[in-house]
Every structure is written in structure tokens, then in C-alpha cells.
Protein backbone atom coordinates (compact mmCIF):
# COMPACT_ATOMS: atom_id res chain seq x y z
CA MET A 1 -96.82 -45.05 33.61
CA ALA A 2 -98.89 -46.25 36.49
CA SER A 3 -98.96 -42.89 38.74
CA ARG A 4 -99.94 -40.85 35.27
CA PHE A 5 -103.08 -43.61 34.42
CA CYS A 6 -103.93 -43.33 38.69
CA LYS A 7 -104.13 -39.43 38.29
CA TYR A 8 -105.91 -39.72 34.76
CA PHE A 9 -108.56 -41.81 36.14
CA LEU A 10 -108.79 -39.74 39.11
CA MET A 11 -109.43 -36.46 37.40
CA ARG A 12 -112.45 -38.36 34.90
CA LYS A 13 -113.79 -39.17 38.08
CA LEU A 14 -114.01 -35.74 39.86
CA GLY A 15 -115.08 -34.31 36.45
CA HIS A 16 -117.53 -36.28 36.35
CA LEU A 17 -118.81 -36.03 39.90
CA PHE A 18 -118.60 -31.89 39.33
CA LEU A 19 -120.99 -32.43 36.15
CA ARG A 20 -123.34 -34.23 38.21
CA ILE A 21 -123.20 -31.77 40.80
CA LEU A 22 -124.04 -29.11 38.00
CA LEU A 23 -126.84 -31.65 36.57
CA VAL A 24 -128.35 -31.93 39.93
CA LEU A 25 -128.45 -28.11 40.76
CA PHE A 26 -129.42 -27.03 37.93
CA PHE A 27 -132.36 -29.21 38.28
CA VAL A 28 -132.95 -28.22 41.56
CA VAL A 29 -132.93 -24.42 40.54
CA LEU A 30 -134.99 -25.11 37.79
CA LEU A 31 -137.36 -27.06 39.89
CA PHE A 32 -137.30 -23.81 42.72
CA PHE A 33 -138.38 -21.44 39.89
CA ALA A 34 -141.08 -23.79 38.46
CA TYR A 35 -142.64 -24.01 41.61
CA VAL A 36 -142.55 -20.06 42.49
CA ASN A 37 -144.01 -19.41 38.84
CA LEU A 38 -146.98 -22.13 39.58
CA PRO A 39 -150.40 -20.28 40.41
CA GLY A 40 -150.75 -19.01 43.52
CA PRO A 41 -153.21 -18.68 46.15
CA ALA A 42 -156.39 -16.81 45.85
CA PRO A 43 -155.78 -13.09 45.86
CA ARG A 44 -156.55 -11.87 49.82
CA GLU A 45 -159.73 -10.39 50.09
CA ASP A 46 -159.17 -8.46 54.06
CA VAL A 47 -156.06 -6.30 52.98
CA HIS A 48 -155.07 -3.09 54.69
CA LEU A 49 -154.22 -0.50 51.99
CA GLY A 50 -151.77 2.08 52.80
CA MET A 51 -148.83 4.51 51.90
CA THR A 52 -145.36 5.69 52.23
CA PHE A 53 -145.47 9.72 51.83
CA SER A 54 -142.17 11.29 51.71
CA SER A 55 -142.63 15.51 51.63
CA ARG A 56 -138.63 15.55 50.27
CA TYR A 57 -139.65 13.24 47.12
CA ALA A 58 -143.09 15.44 46.75
CA GLU A 59 -140.70 18.23 46.25
CA ASP A 60 -138.31 17.10 44.25
CA LEU A 61 -140.99 16.19 41.97
CA GLY A 62 -141.94 20.10 41.78
CA LEU A 63 -144.97 19.93 44.02
CA ASP A 64 -146.14 21.21 46.85
CA TRP A 65 -145.89 18.88 49.22
CA ARG A 66 -148.72 20.15 51.85
CA GLU A 67 -151.05 19.99 48.84
CA THR A 68 -149.98 16.15 47.83
CA TYR A 69 -150.73 14.84 50.90
CA LEU A 70 -154.02 16.46 51.61
CA ALA A 71 -154.83 15.03 48.01
CA LEU A 72 -153.89 11.42 48.85
CA LEU A 73 -155.45 12.09 52.14
CA ASP A 74 -159.28 13.22 51.12
CA ASP A 75 -159.03 12.51 47.50
CA VAL A 76 -157.29 8.67 47.40
CA SER A 77 -158.84 8.33 51.33
CA VAL A 78 -154.92 6.81 52.07
CA ARG A 79 -155.28 5.95 56.16
CA ARG A 80 -152.92 4.00 56.80
CA LEU A 81 -149.34 5.93 56.30
CA ARG A 82 -145.60 5.66 56.46
CA LEU A 83 -144.20 8.46 56.86
CA PRO A 84 -140.18 9.40 57.81
CA ALA A 85 -138.48 11.48 60.38
CA TYR A 86 -135.89 12.51 57.89
CA TRP A 87 -132.50 13.40 60.50
CA ASP A 88 -131.02 15.74 58.48
CA MET A 89 -134.10 18.01 57.86
CA ILE A 90 -135.34 17.50 61.93
CA GLU A 91 -132.18 18.36 63.21
CA SER A 92 -130.12 20.37 60.55
CA ARG A 93 -128.11 21.68 63.44
CA GLU A 94 -126.79 20.08 65.88
CA GLY A 95 -128.75 20.02 68.91
CA GLU A 96 -131.79 21.67 67.41
CA TYR A 97 -134.99 20.10 66.43
CA ASP A 98 -137.85 21.11 64.34
CA PHE A 99 -140.69 18.31 63.76
CA SER A 100 -143.04 20.81 62.64
CA GLN A 101 -143.41 19.09 59.17
CA LEU A 102 -143.82 15.61 60.51
CA ASP A 103 -146.14 16.66 63.69
CA TRP A 104 -148.16 18.59 60.73
CA GLN A 105 -148.29 15.48 58.87
CA ILE A 106 -149.35 12.99 61.68
CA GLU A 107 -151.55 15.88 63.16
CA GLU A 108 -153.56 15.46 59.40
CA ALA A 109 -153.60 11.86 59.68
CA ARG A 110 -154.86 11.81 63.38
CA ALA A 111 -157.88 14.23 62.03
CA ARG A 112 -159.08 11.64 59.68
CA ASN A 113 -158.35 8.91 62.68
CA GLY A 114 -155.60 7.81 60.13
CA GLU A 115 -152.80 5.63 61.72
CA VAL A 116 -149.18 6.13 60.93
CA ILE A 117 -145.62 3.81 61.29
CA VAL A 118 -142.91 6.32 61.61
CA VAL A 119 -139.65 5.34 59.97
CA VAL A 120 -136.35 6.89 62.04
CA GLY A 121 -132.80 6.25 61.73
CA GLN A 122 -130.53 7.35 59.35
CA ARG A 123 -131.21 5.22 56.55
CA LEU A 124 -134.83 5.74 55.51
CA PRO A 125 -137.14 6.06 52.48
CA ARG A 126 -135.78 7.93 49.01
CA TRP A 127 -132.76 8.04 47.55
CA PRO A 128 -129.93 8.81 48.66
CA GLU A 129 -131.24 6.04 51.19
CA CYS A 130 -128.78 7.99 53.59
CA HIS A 131 -129.83 11.36 55.02
CA ILE A 132 -127.49 12.48 57.56
CA PRO A 133 -127.01 16.13 58.43
CA ALA A 134 -123.84 17.58 56.85
CA TRP A 135 -122.48 18.62 60.84
CA ALA A 136 -122.61 14.78 61.66
CA LYS A 137 -121.08 12.95 58.46
CA GLU A 138 -117.02 13.44 58.90
CA ASP A 139 -116.62 11.62 62.55
CA GLU A 140 -118.44 7.58 62.76
CA LYS A 141 -118.46 7.87 66.67
CA LYS A 142 -119.89 11.56 66.64
CA ARG A 143 -122.88 10.48 64.02
CA LYS A 144 -123.52 7.31 65.58
CA ALA A 145 -123.86 9.15 69.33
CA ALA A 146 -125.95 11.82 67.99
CA LEU A 147 -128.44 9.10 66.01
CA LEU A 148 -129.40 7.30 69.30
CA ARG A 149 -130.12 10.92 70.88
CA MET A 150 -131.86 11.49 67.30
CA ILE A 151 -134.01 8.41 68.01
CA ASP A 152 -134.38 8.94 71.75
CA THR A 153 -136.17 12.15 71.04
CA THR A 154 -137.90 11.37 68.17
CA VAL A 155 -139.75 8.27 70.15
CA ARG A 156 -140.81 10.67 73.19
CA HIS A 157 -141.93 13.31 70.88
CA TYR A 158 -144.36 10.96 69.23
CA GLN A 159 -144.93 8.40 71.92
CA GLU A 160 -148.14 9.53 73.57
CA ASN A 161 -149.75 10.47 70.06
CA PRO A 162 -152.13 7.52 69.90
CA ALA A 163 -152.08 7.90 65.68
CA VAL A 164 -148.61 6.13 65.58
CA ILE A 165 -148.86 2.75 65.62
CA ALA A 166 -145.03 1.52 65.12
CA TRP A 167 -142.12 2.29 64.82
CA GLN A 168 -139.66 1.34 61.79
CA VAL A 169 -136.03 1.47 62.84
CA GLU A 170 -133.60 2.12 59.49
CA ASN A 171 -135.14 1.05 55.95
CA GLU A 172 -134.03 -2.32 54.09
CA PRO A 173 -130.27 -1.72 56.86
CA PHE A 174 -128.93 -5.42 55.25
CA LEU A 175 -129.35 -4.10 51.37
CA THR A 176 -125.59 -2.06 51.76
CA PHE A 177 -124.38 -2.12 48.32
CA PHE A 178 -127.35 0.81 47.08
CA GLY A 179 -127.43 3.77 48.21
CA GLU A 180 -124.82 6.81 49.55
CA CYS A 181 -124.57 5.23 53.30
CA PRO A 182 -121.59 4.21 55.54
CA PRO A 183 -121.28 0.48 56.04
CA LEU A 184 -123.44 -1.30 57.68
CA ASP A 185 -122.87 -1.80 61.65
CA VAL A 186 -125.29 -4.70 62.90
CA ASP A 187 -124.35 -4.31 66.55
CA PHE A 188 -125.10 -0.42 65.99
CA LEU A 189 -128.29 -1.08 64.28
CA GLU A 190 -129.70 -3.87 67.58
CA SER A 191 -128.53 -1.32 69.91
CA GLU A 192 -131.41 1.58 67.86
CA ILE A 193 -133.78 -1.27 67.86
CA ALA A 194 -133.22 -1.43 71.68
CA LEU A 195 -133.69 2.23 72.44
CA VAL A 196 -136.81 2.19 70.61
CA LYS A 197 -138.07 -1.03 72.54
CA ALA A 198 -136.90 0.44 76.16
CA LEU A 199 -138.49 3.77 75.52
CA ASP A 200 -141.86 2.70 73.90
CA PRO A 201 -142.26 -1.58 74.42
CA ALA A 202 -146.29 -0.89 73.73
CA ARG A 203 -145.71 -0.81 70.17
CA PRO A 204 -144.10 -3.06 67.51
CA VAL A 205 -140.74 -2.03 66.27
CA ILE A 206 -140.62 -3.20 62.22
CA VAL A 207 -137.63 -4.14 60.48
CA THR A 208 -137.15 -4.42 56.69
CA ASP A 209 -135.97 -5.62 53.91
CA SER A 210 -135.29 -6.48 50.09
CA GLY A 211 -138.09 -8.82 49.00
CA GLU A 212 -135.92 -9.87 46.18
CA LEU A 213 -132.81 -9.74 46.69
CA SER A 214 -132.88 -10.95 50.29
CA LEU A 215 -133.69 -13.69 52.48
CA TRP A 216 -134.90 -11.88 55.14
CA VAL A 217 -133.99 -13.96 57.83
CA ARG A 218 -131.57 -11.14 59.50
CA ALA A 219 -133.99 -8.72 59.63
CA ALA A 220 -137.33 -10.90 60.29
CA LYS A 221 -135.16 -11.96 63.60
CA ARG A 222 -134.54 -8.61 65.30
CA ALA A 223 -138.44 -7.23 64.76
CA ASP A 224 -141.80 -7.35 66.41
CA ILE A 225 -143.19 -7.42 62.35
CA PHE A 226 -140.53 -7.58 59.27
CA GLY A 227 -141.20 -5.60 56.41
CA THR A 228 -140.93 -7.00 53.01
CA THR A 229 -140.56 -4.81 49.76
CA LEU A 230 -142.15 -6.26 46.36
CA TYR A 231 -140.98 -5.23 43.14
CA ARG A 232 -141.69 -6.23 39.69
CA ILE A 233 -140.31 -4.12 36.73
CA ILE A 234 -137.05 -2.45 37.25
CA TYR A 235 -134.22 -1.04 35.59
CA LYS A 236 -130.53 -2.01 35.13
CA PRO A 237 -128.55 0.08 32.47
CA ILE A 238 -127.58 -3.61 31.15
CA LEU A 239 -130.22 -5.36 31.23
CA GLY A 240 -133.22 -2.22 30.44
CA HIS A 241 -136.16 -2.79 32.02
CA PHE A 242 -136.61 -6.23 33.77
CA THR A 243 -139.53 -8.13 35.40
CA TYR A 244 -138.63 -10.37 37.86
CA PRO A 245 -139.16 -13.93 37.02
CA LEU A 246 -141.10 -14.76 40.10
CA GLY A 247 -144.41 -15.69 41.45
CA PRO A 248 -146.15 -14.81 44.55
CA ASN A 249 -144.94 -18.26 45.89
CA PHE A 250 -141.46 -17.25 46.04
CA PHE A 251 -142.23 -14.70 49.05
CA LEU A 252 -144.78 -17.62 50.19
CA VAL A 253 -141.05 -20.24 50.32
CA LYS A 254 -139.29 -17.41 51.65
CA GLU A 255 -142.19 -16.64 54.56
CA TRP A 256 -141.87 -20.62 55.55
CA MET A 257 -138.19 -20.26 55.47
CA VAL A 258 -138.81 -17.15 57.94
CA ARG A 259 -141.16 -18.78 60.47
CA ALA A 260 -139.18 -22.29 61.19
CA PHE A 261 -136.05 -20.69 61.27
CA THR A 262 -136.78 -17.21 63.52
CA GLY A 263 -140.46 -18.18 65.13
CA GLN A 264 -141.47 -14.80 63.19
CA GLU A 265 -145.30 -14.30 62.58
CA HIS A 266 -145.97 -11.15 61.74
CA PHE A 267 -145.28 -9.95 58.15
CA MET A 268 -146.14 -6.69 55.79
CA VAL A 269 -145.19 -6.20 52.54
CA VAL A 270 -143.67 -2.14 53.82
CA GLU A 271 -142.90 -0.83 49.85
CA LEU A 272 -145.19 -2.23 46.66
CA GLN A 273 -144.32 -0.79 43.80
CA ALA A 274 -146.89 1.66 42.29
CA GLU A 275 -144.44 4.13 40.56
CA PRO A 276 -141.77 3.08 37.85
CA TRP A 277 -138.00 2.47 37.69
CA THR A 278 -136.33 4.49 35.01
CA SER A 279 -133.21 5.15 32.90
CA GLY A 280 -132.88 8.81 34.50
CA TRP A 281 -134.52 11.16 37.33
CA VAL A 282 -138.46 10.57 36.98
CA VAL A 283 -138.74 14.41 35.66
CA GLY A 284 -136.81 13.93 33.13
CA VAL A 285 -138.00 10.98 31.36
CA PRO A 286 -140.49 10.19 28.62
CA LEU A 287 -143.96 9.22 29.85
CA GLU A 288 -143.37 6.39 27.23
CA GLU A 289 -140.94 5.17 29.27
CA GLN A 290 -142.01 5.75 32.59
CA PHE A 291 -145.31 3.59 31.59
CA ILE A 292 -143.23 0.85 30.99
CA GLY A 293 -142.83 0.45 34.39
CA MET A 294 -145.96 1.36 36.09
CA ASP A 295 -149.19 2.17 34.64
CA GLU A 296 -152.42 1.39 35.73
CA LYS A 297 -152.70 -1.66 34.09
CA LYS A 298 -149.66 -2.54 36.11
CA LEU A 299 -150.53 -0.91 39.60
CA ILE A 300 -153.86 -3.23 39.17
CA GLU A 301 -151.77 -6.53 39.03
CA ASN A 302 -149.20 -5.07 41.39
CA VAL A 303 -151.75 -4.80 43.82
CA ASP A 304 -153.24 -8.34 43.06
CA TYR A 305 -150.08 -10.01 43.30
CA ALA A 306 -149.34 -8.03 46.79
CA ARG A 307 -152.56 -9.79 47.84
CA ARG A 308 -151.67 -13.37 46.28
CA VAL A 309 -148.56 -13.28 48.70
CA GLY A 310 -150.93 -13.16 51.43
CA PHE A 311 -150.01 -10.25 53.91
CA GLN A 312 -152.73 -8.16 55.41
CA ASP A 313 -151.04 -5.20 55.48
CA ILE A 314 -149.90 -3.92 51.76
CA TYR A 315 -148.02 -0.17 51.74
CA LEU A 316 -147.62 1.55 48.36
CA TRP A 317 -144.69 3.00 47.44
CA GLY A 318 -145.31 6.17 44.50
CA GLY A 319 -148.49 8.29 45.25
CA GLU A 320 -146.02 11.28 44.96
CA TRP A 321 -145.62 9.97 41.69
CA TRP A 322 -149.29 9.68 41.15
CA TYR A 323 -150.11 13.69 41.65
CA TRP A 324 -147.11 14.54 39.39
CA LEU A 325 -149.12 13.06 36.42
CA LYS A 326 -151.93 14.53 37.65
CA VAL A 327 -151.12 17.97 37.63
CA GLU A 328 -147.90 18.32 35.95
CA LYS A 329 -148.70 16.15 33.24
CA ASP A 330 -152.31 16.08 32.71
CA TYR A 331 -152.60 11.92 32.74
CA PRO A 332 -154.74 11.51 36.02
CA ALA A 333 -155.73 7.64 35.41
CA LEU A 334 -152.89 6.16 37.55
CA TRP A 335 -154.59 8.70 40.54
CA GLU A 336 -158.53 7.26 39.56
CA THR A 337 -156.97 3.79 39.36
CA GLY A 338 -155.61 4.42 43.29
CA LYS A 339 -158.46 5.96 44.19
CA GLU A 340 -160.47 3.01 43.38
CA LEU A 341 -158.26 0.31 45.08
CA PHE A 342 -158.28 1.97 48.10
CA ARG A 343 -161.68 2.66 47.54
CA GLN A 344 -161.80 -1.32 47.70
CA TYR A 345 -159.29 -1.99 50.09
CA GLY A 346 -157.97 0.63 52.20
CA LYS A 347 -160.89 0.78 55.02
């Protein structure tokens, strides 16, 4: 009887302790969300807007990618660009490298005194995230050796070009649950980064991570410059359109943490949402649904939000979509809003 009573008493104490821990955790989470949603700092005035451009995505939208690119350079006045060196396009056949598309993009930027971040690796901007040539997909050892050769060739090809200001190695490599990619090999990622730094020690290496779904530490400690993505409204089949309940202070907290744990001092927004997440391929989705995730008002709000985060360099994601709206849907409002934002902050 005494043993049963002691067991019952112990279970009650453990139960009460567990409830107290849950309550403490609940209030900690509540306080955290309250803090990150407090009014953030005033918007930073001296920001530099840039743009990621994907010739592949422009073509997928049915656009002439060269026309789209030149319109962004000459009409929107984009002068800071992030350009992917798509492995499967440059080396579609093993050992044969064709840089003509990327050469043209970089030279057009250079002719306008533009600056270019070149993204190298297998995981690069735009779906399906990993862009591996068919001939390299089956054999892991062959793929890794060929990828290092591709990175070596790309860096050597562009390292004398004054328009290239930085290298980004892979794109959100630690976001392993998103995209159609081989499993992450951290040691191999470090080999890629080390190779780029050895070939071109004069230029910084950028490593990126998800703004909302990561703590940043693993990427930031390997980078000369850490780049975060920043999305406000996403789409999930179960939830529909969903706005992250996070104010700019959320990113400031993570910046403080990363500075403390890694010593990283250089931060940028490498991918600011300027196009919608939709329930399907954007071309087939009604404009009414597209505008739930992004319209001209939300674009201004997103840039304002990023300015409150406080990182000086902010690269937008979605200029190809603006042009598609303008020329295919006769809806130029996003394009014109983008022009005004770049007039203010793109110099």
C-alpha cells in the first residue's frame, strides 16, 4: 500500500512539473512572438536594391529572356544582379562548356556599370532547385568530381571580369526538405567553398539560408557574407495562403545570435519575395489568386519590411513575373512600382 501511494504521489509531482514546464515554454514562445512583432526600427534609407534573374524562368513564362533581361536593365534600371551559372545548361555534354548565355548577361550588366553575383554549384535559384546534367545524375562520385570541375572552370572563366563582385556557392544548401536534390553532404559543400576561395581569394563567398525556416548559423559560419531569403506570404495546400506572423525583429534576433555564435558581420537579403506563391504553375493560376500573394501594394510593403530588417543589400525575386504581367496580361502596375522602387533605392 505504501509503495503504491509513493508511486501515485511521484506521478502527480511529475505531472505537475511537466505542466509547469509546458506553461513556461508557452509563455516564452508567447513573449518571443510578442517581441518580434513589436514595431521594428525605422526603415533604413541607404539600402541597395538588386535583382535575381533567371533566363530559365523567363523562358518558362513564355518570354524572350534576352528582351526581359534588357528591360530590367534599361527600363527598371537594375544595376545589381544575382545570376545563376546553371550547370545543366553550361555543361549539357560532359566536358563541353558553353558560357555564351551567362557571358552575354554579364557583359550587358558590365556595359551599364552593373555588378554581378555569380551563383555556382548544383543547387541554384529556381525550381527544381538542383540543376544537374542528365549525364551526371546516376553516379554520385562522378557527379561530385564533375561539379568541382564545373565550379573551377566557371570561377576561372569569370575571375578577371570586373563586373563580378562575389561568388555565391550553392543556394540555401541547408534547406534539404525543399527541391529535388541529392542528400546534403556538408563536407562536400565545404570543399566547394574552399575551392572558390582558393581560386579567387579577392572576392567574397556568399552562403545563403532560409529566412523563416533556419537559424542561419550553419550557413553563416562558412560564409564571408551571409545571405537570407525573406518571404511574407506563402501557399501551402492545407493552409492556403499564409502570412508569416513575424515582424522585422525576428530577423534582428537571429542576426544577434549569429554574430554571437559565429562572428559573422556581413549580412544581406539575397532573395526578397516580389512575386507570389501560388497553388500551381503561375501561368495557369488566375490573376486574382496571384494578387493574394503579391501585388504592387505588397511589393512596397515587402521592401519597407526588408529595410526595417536593416541589411543594406536587398535583392528582389520576381522581376521576370513583373514583365510577364506587363506584356502577357497587360498589367504593368508591378513593373511600374518596381521602377519607382529602383529609382529610389537601386543606385
